[in-house]
C-alpha cells in the first residue's frame, strides 16, 4: 500500500510541476498571430501607398520617360518587405 501511496504522491507532484510551468510560461496566444499578420500587412501597405502618392506627384511635377508611380510602388513594396522581414525576425528571436 505504501508503494501505491508513494506513486500517487509522485504523480501529483509531477502534475503540479507541469501546471506551474504551464502557468508561468504560457504559449503564444492565437491573437498574437492575427496581430502579426496585421503588422506585416501594414508594414508593406504603408510604404507602397506612400510610394504611389509620391510617384503620382512626381509624374506631374517632373515627368520622365519612365513612370515614377510604378517605380515608387515597386520601391515601396521592397521597402515594406524589408521592414516586415526585420519585424518578423525580431519577433521570432524574442528580442
Protein backbone atom coordinates (compact mmCIF):
# COMPACT_ATOMS: atom_id res chain seq x y z
CA UNK A 1 0.00 0.00 0.00
CA UNK A 2 2.87 2.37 0.77
CA UNK A 3 4.29 1.86 -2.70
CA UNK A 4 0.99 2.90 -4.29
CA UNK A 5 0.81 5.90 -1.96
CA UNK A 6 4.34 6.99 -2.99
CA UNK A 7 3.46 6.55 -6.66
CA UNK A 8 0.33 8.71 -6.41
CA UNK A 9 2.26 11.38 -4.47
CA UNK A 10 4.91 11.42 -7.22
CA UNK A 11 2.17 11.70 -9.87
CA UNK A 12 0.58 14.61 -8.03
CA UNK A 13 3.97 16.30 -7.70
CA UNK A 14 4.71 15.92 -11.43
CA UNK A 15 1.26 17.22 -12.39
CA UNK A 16 1.63 20.20 -10.06
CA UNK A 17 5.03 20.97 -11.55
CA UNK A 18 3.64 20.78 -15.12
CA UNK A 19 0.70 23.01 -14.17
CA UNK A 20 3.01 25.57 -12.58
CA UNK A 21 5.28 25.51 -15.61
CA UNK A 22 2.30 25.99 -17.97
CA UNK A 23 1.04 28.89 -15.85
CA UNK A 24 4.47 30.56 -15.66
CA UNK A 25 5.32 30.04 -19.35
CA UNK A 26 2.11 30.34 -21.40
CA UNK A 27 2.32 29.53 -25.08
CA UNK A 28 1.71 32.07 -27.80
CA UNK A 29 -1.81 33.43 -27.98
CA UNK A 30 -3.86 32.87 -31.16
CA UNK A 31 -4.50 36.62 -31.16
CA UNK A 32 -0.77 37.23 -31.42
CA UNK A 33 -0.79 35.56 -34.84
CA UNK A 34 -3.58 37.83 -36.00
CA UNK A 35 -1.67 40.84 -34.70
CA UNK A 36 1.49 39.71 -36.51
CA UNK A 37 -0.46 39.25 -39.72
CA UNK A 38 -1.87 42.77 -39.39
CA UNK A 39 1.52 44.28 -38.62
CA UNK A 40 3.06 42.65 -41.68
CA UNK A 41 0.19 43.93 -43.83
CA UNK A 42 0.59 47.50 -42.58
CA UNK A 43 4.40 47.32 -42.90
CA UNK A 44 4.01 46.55 -46.61
CA UNK A 45 0.91 48.63 -47.38
CA UNK A 46 2.04 51.98 -45.96
CA UNK A 47 5.32 52.29 -47.95
CA UNK A 48 3.58 51.02 -51.09
CA UNK A 49 0.74 53.53 -50.89
CA UNK A 50 3.18 56.28 -49.92
CA UNK A 51 5.28 55.43 -52.98
CA UNK A 52 2.18 55.59 -55.17
CA UNK A 53 1.24 59.06 -53.92
CA UNK A 54 4.80 60.38 -54.18
CA UNK A 55 5.18 58.83 -57.64
CA UNK A 56 1.92 60.36 -58.84
CA UNK A 57 3.05 63.79 -57.63
CA UNK A 58 6.49 63.37 -59.29
CA UNK A 59 4.83 62.32 -62.56
CA UNK A 60 3.05 65.69 -62.62
CA UNK A 61 5.97 67.81 -61.34
CA UNK A 62 8.97 66.12 -63.01
CA UNK A 63 7.80 63.92 -65.91
CA UNK A 64 10.29 61.37 -67.20
CA UNK A 65 10.32 58.65 -69.86
CA UNK A 66 9.50 56.16 -67.10
CA UNK A 67 6.62 56.23 -64.64
CA UNK A 68 7.59 57.50 -61.20
CA UNK A 69 4.40 55.96 -59.83
CA UNK A 70 5.26 52.42 -60.91
CA UNK A 71 8.90 52.77 -59.84
CA UNK A 72 7.99 54.06 -56.39
CA UNK A 73 5.23 51.48 -55.90
CA UNK A 74 7.81 48.76 -56.54
CA UNK A 75 10.25 50.53 -54.25
CA UNK A 76 7.56 50.72 -51.56
CA UNK A 77 6.85 47.01 -51.85
CA UNK A 78 10.56 46.21 -51.50
CA UNK A 79 10.98 48.61 -48.55
CA UNK A 80 7.82 47.23 -46.90
CA UNK A 81 9.05 43.68 -47.39
CA UNK A 82 12.35 44.54 -45.72
CA UNK A 83 10.56 46.22 -42.81
CA UNK A 84 8.23 43.23 -42.39
CA UNK A 85 11.13 40.78 -42.63
CA UNK A 86 13.04 42.65 -39.94
CA UNK A 87 9.99 42.80 -37.71
CA UNK A 88 9.24 39.08 -38.07
CA UNK A 89 12.91 38.23 -37.42
CA UNK A 90 12.89 40.39 -34.29
CA UNK A 91 9.64 38.82 -33.04
CA UNK A 92 10.89 35.30 -33.81
CA UNK A 93 14.02 35.73 -31.71
CA UNK A 94 12.06 37.27 -28.86
CA UNK A 95 14.13 40.44 -28.52
